[in-house]
Amino acid sequence: MSKAPPPEGYDENPEWTKADFARAKPAGDVLPAAVAAALVKNKGGRPAGSNKEQVALRIDKDVVQHFRDGGAGWQSRMNEALRKAAGLR
């Protein structure tokens, strides 16, 4: 089954002009509330109430590489090793 070519001059994803931006409205103004709410992106980050603190820490490259070589979750494994070394586990 072949697809017919688009009409001449048709652009599936044209670049917006100033006029396009002037006509644009926020999604919440033109879509049903449930649809607009589904489009809201999760801001990400750590959940509220976390007991974690972001710090800048200089660690030898070979030590960091050792944990990274273990794959995903290397920061949690490093945290667990630090807790153990500090006598917190």
C-alpha atoms as a PDB file:
ATOM      1  CA  MET A   1       0.000   0.000   0.000  1.00  0.00           C
ATOM      2  CA  SER A   2       1.579   3.276  -0.996  1.00  0.00           C
ATOM      3  CA  LYS A   3       0.818   6.608   0.544  1.00  0.00           C
ATOM      4  CA  ALA A   4      -0.112   9.462  -1.750  1.00  0.00           C
ATOM      5  CA  PRO A   5       2.369  12.338  -1.709  1.00  0.00           C
ATOM      6  CA  PRO A   6       1.296  15.487   0.133  1.00  0.00           C
ATOM      7  CA  PRO A   7      -0.083  18.391  -1.890  1.00  0.00           C
ATOM      8  CA  GLU A   8       2.451  20.815  -3.284  1.00  0.00           C
ATOM      9  CA  GLY A   9       3.474  23.429  -0.739  1.00  0.00           C
ATOM     10  CA  TYR A  10       2.262  21.311   2.225  1.00  0.00           C
ATOM     11  CA  ASP A  11       4.571  21.307   5.229  1.00  0.00           C
ATOM     12  CA  GLU A  12       3.700  18.961   8.077  1.00  0.00           C
ATOM     13  CA  ASN A  13       5.697  20.964  10.588  1.00  0.00           C
ATOM     14  CA  PRO A  14       6.049  24.557   9.390  1.00  0.00           C
ATOM     15  CA  GLU A  15       8.121  27.088  11.301  1.00  0.00           C
ATOM     16  CA  TRP A  16       5.912  29.431  13.307  1.00  0.00           C
ATOM     17  CA  THR A  17       5.654  33.045  12.234  1.00  0.00           C
ATOM     18  CA  LYS A  18       5.083  36.074  14.465  1.00  0.00           C
ATOM     19  CA  ALA A  19       1.409  35.910  13.443  1.00  0.00           C
ATOM     20  CA  ASP A  20       1.209  32.260  14.594  1.00  0.00           C
ATOM     21  CA  PHE A  21       2.646  33.181  17.988  1.00  0.00           C
ATOM     22  CA  ALA A  22       0.256  36.142  18.268  1.00  0.00           C
ATOM     23  CA  ARG A  23      -2.741  33.823  17.701  1.00  0.00           C
ATOM     24  CA  ALA A  24      -1.521  31.129  20.101  1.00  0.00           C
ATOM     25  CA  LYS A  25      -3.374  30.568  23.367  1.00  0.00           C
ATOM     26  CA  PRO A  26      -2.420  28.626  26.503  1.00  0.00           C
ATOM     27  CA  ALA A  27      -3.487  24.959  26.460  1.00  0.00           C
ATOM     28  CA  GLY A  28      -5.705  25.532  29.508  1.00  0.00           C
ATOM     29  CA  ASP A  29      -7.729  28.092  27.537  1.00  0.00           C
ATOM     30  CA  VAL A  30      -8.558  25.823  24.589  1.00  0.00           C
ATOM     31  CA  LEU A  31      -8.470  22.218  25.880  1.00  0.00           C
ATOM     32  CA  PRO A  32     -10.706  20.410  28.370  1.00  0.00           C
ATOM     33  CA  ALA A  33      -9.301  20.661  31.913  1.00  0.00           C
ATOM     34  CA  ALA A  34      -8.441  16.944  32.086  1.00  0.00           C
ATOM     35  CA  VAL A  35      -6.466  17.093  28.842  1.00  0.00           C
ATOM     36  CA  ALA A  36      -4.623  20.276  29.833  1.00  0.00           C
ATOM     37  CA  ALA A  37      -3.759  18.729  33.229  1.00  0.00           C
ATOM     38  CA  ALA A  38      -2.339  15.634  31.510  1.00  0.00           C
ATOM     39  CA  LEU A  39       0.020  17.857  29.518  1.00  0.00           C
ATOM     40  CA  VAL A  40       1.593  19.403  32.613  1.00  0.00           C
ATOM     41  CA  LYS A  41       5.062  17.950  32.942  1.00  0.00           C
ATOM     42  CA  ASN A  42       6.428  16.597  36.171  1.00  0.00           C
ATOM     43  CA  LYS A  43       9.011  19.070  37.409  1.00  0.00           C
ATOM     44  CA  GLY A  44      11.134  16.177  38.593  1.00  0.00           C
ATOM     45  CA  GLY A  45      13.602  16.426  41.381  1.00  0.00           C
ATOM     46  CA  ARG A  46      13.557  14.804  44.749  1.00  0.00           C
ATOM     47  CA  PRO A  47      10.173  14.443  46.477  1.00  0.00           C
ATOM     48  CA  ALA A  48       9.361  16.989  49.167  1.00  0.00           C
ATOM     49  CA  GLY A  49      10.422  15.936  52.640  1.00  0.00           C
ATOM     50  CA  SER A  50      13.541  14.092  51.474  1.00  0.00           C
ATOM     51  CA  ASN A  51      16.378  13.846  53.955  1.00  0.00           C
ATOM     52  CA  LYS A  52      18.957  14.208  51.168  1.00  0.00           C
ATOM     53  CA  GLU A  53      21.193  17.242  50.738  1.00  0.00           C
ATOM     54  CA  GLN A  54      23.061  18.140  47.571  1.00  0.00           C
ATOM     55  CA  VAL A  55      26.707  18.938  48.251  1.00  0.00           C
ATOM     56  CA  ALA A  56      29.858  19.549  46.244  1.00  0.00           C
ATOM     57  CA  LEU A  57      32.470  16.982  47.195  1.00  0.00           C
ATOM     58  CA  ARG A  58      35.882  16.251  45.699  1.00  0.00           C
ATOM     59  CA  ILE A  59      36.516  12.498  45.508  1.00  0.00           C
ATOM     60  CA  ASP A  60      39.423  10.692  43.854  1.00  0.00           C
ATOM     61  CA  LYS A  61      38.631   9.751  40.244  1.00  0.00           C
ATOM     62  CA  ASP A  62      39.368   6.063  40.755  1.00  0.00           C
ATOM     63  CA  VAL A  63      36.949   5.882  43.700  1.00  0.00           C
ATOM     64  CA  VAL A  64      34.134   7.509  41.703  1.00  0.00           C
ATOM     65  CA  GLN A  65      34.913   5.264  38.718  1.00  0.00           C
ATOM     66  CA  HIS A  66      34.709   2.175  40.954  1.00  0.00           C
ATOM     67  CA  PHE A  67      31.120   3.052  41.898  1.00  0.00           C
ATOM     68  CA  ARG A  68      30.145   4.153  38.364  1.00  0.00           C
ATOM     69  CA  ASP A  69      31.439   0.862  36.966  1.00  0.00           C
ATOM     70  CA  GLY A  70      28.696  -0.828  38.988  1.00  0.00           C
ATOM     71  CA  GLY A  71      26.076   0.772  36.730  1.00  0.00           C
ATOM     72  CA  ALA A  72      22.866   2.587  37.580  1.00  0.00           C
ATOM     73  CA  GLY A  73      22.386   3.387  41.249  1.00  0.00           C
ATOM     74  CA  TRP A  74      26.056   4.134  41.824  1.00  0.00           C
ATOM     75  CA  GLN A  75      25.303   7.241  43.873  1.00  0.00           C
ATOM     76  CA  SER A  76      23.030   5.283  46.210  1.00  0.00           C
ATOM     77  CA  ARG A  77      25.708   2.601  46.603  1.00  0.00           C
ATOM     78  CA  MET A  78      28.284   5.285  47.371  1.00  0.00           C
ATOM     79  CA  ASN A  79      25.918   6.809  49.947  1.00  0.00           C
ATOM     80  CA  GLU A  80      25.451   3.393  51.557  1.00  0.00           C
ATOM     81  CA  ALA A  81      29.242   2.863  51.724  1.00  0.00           C
ATOM     82  CA  LEU A  82      29.653   6.273  53.380  1.00  0.00           C
ATOM     83  CA  ARG A  83      26.887   5.481  55.893  1.00  0.00           C
ATOM     84  CA  LYS A  84      28.599   2.190  56.736  1.00  0.00           C
ATOM     85  CA  ALA A  85      32.015   3.889  57.113  1.00  0.00           C
ATOM     86  CA  ALA A  86      30.452   6.504  59.395  1.00  0.00           C
ATOM     87  CA  GLY A  87      28.855   3.792  61.548  1.00  0.00           C
ATOM     88  CA  LEU A  88      25.337   4.848  60.621  1.00  0.00           C
ATOM     89  CA  ARG A  89      24.258   1.380  59.397  1.00  0.00           C
END
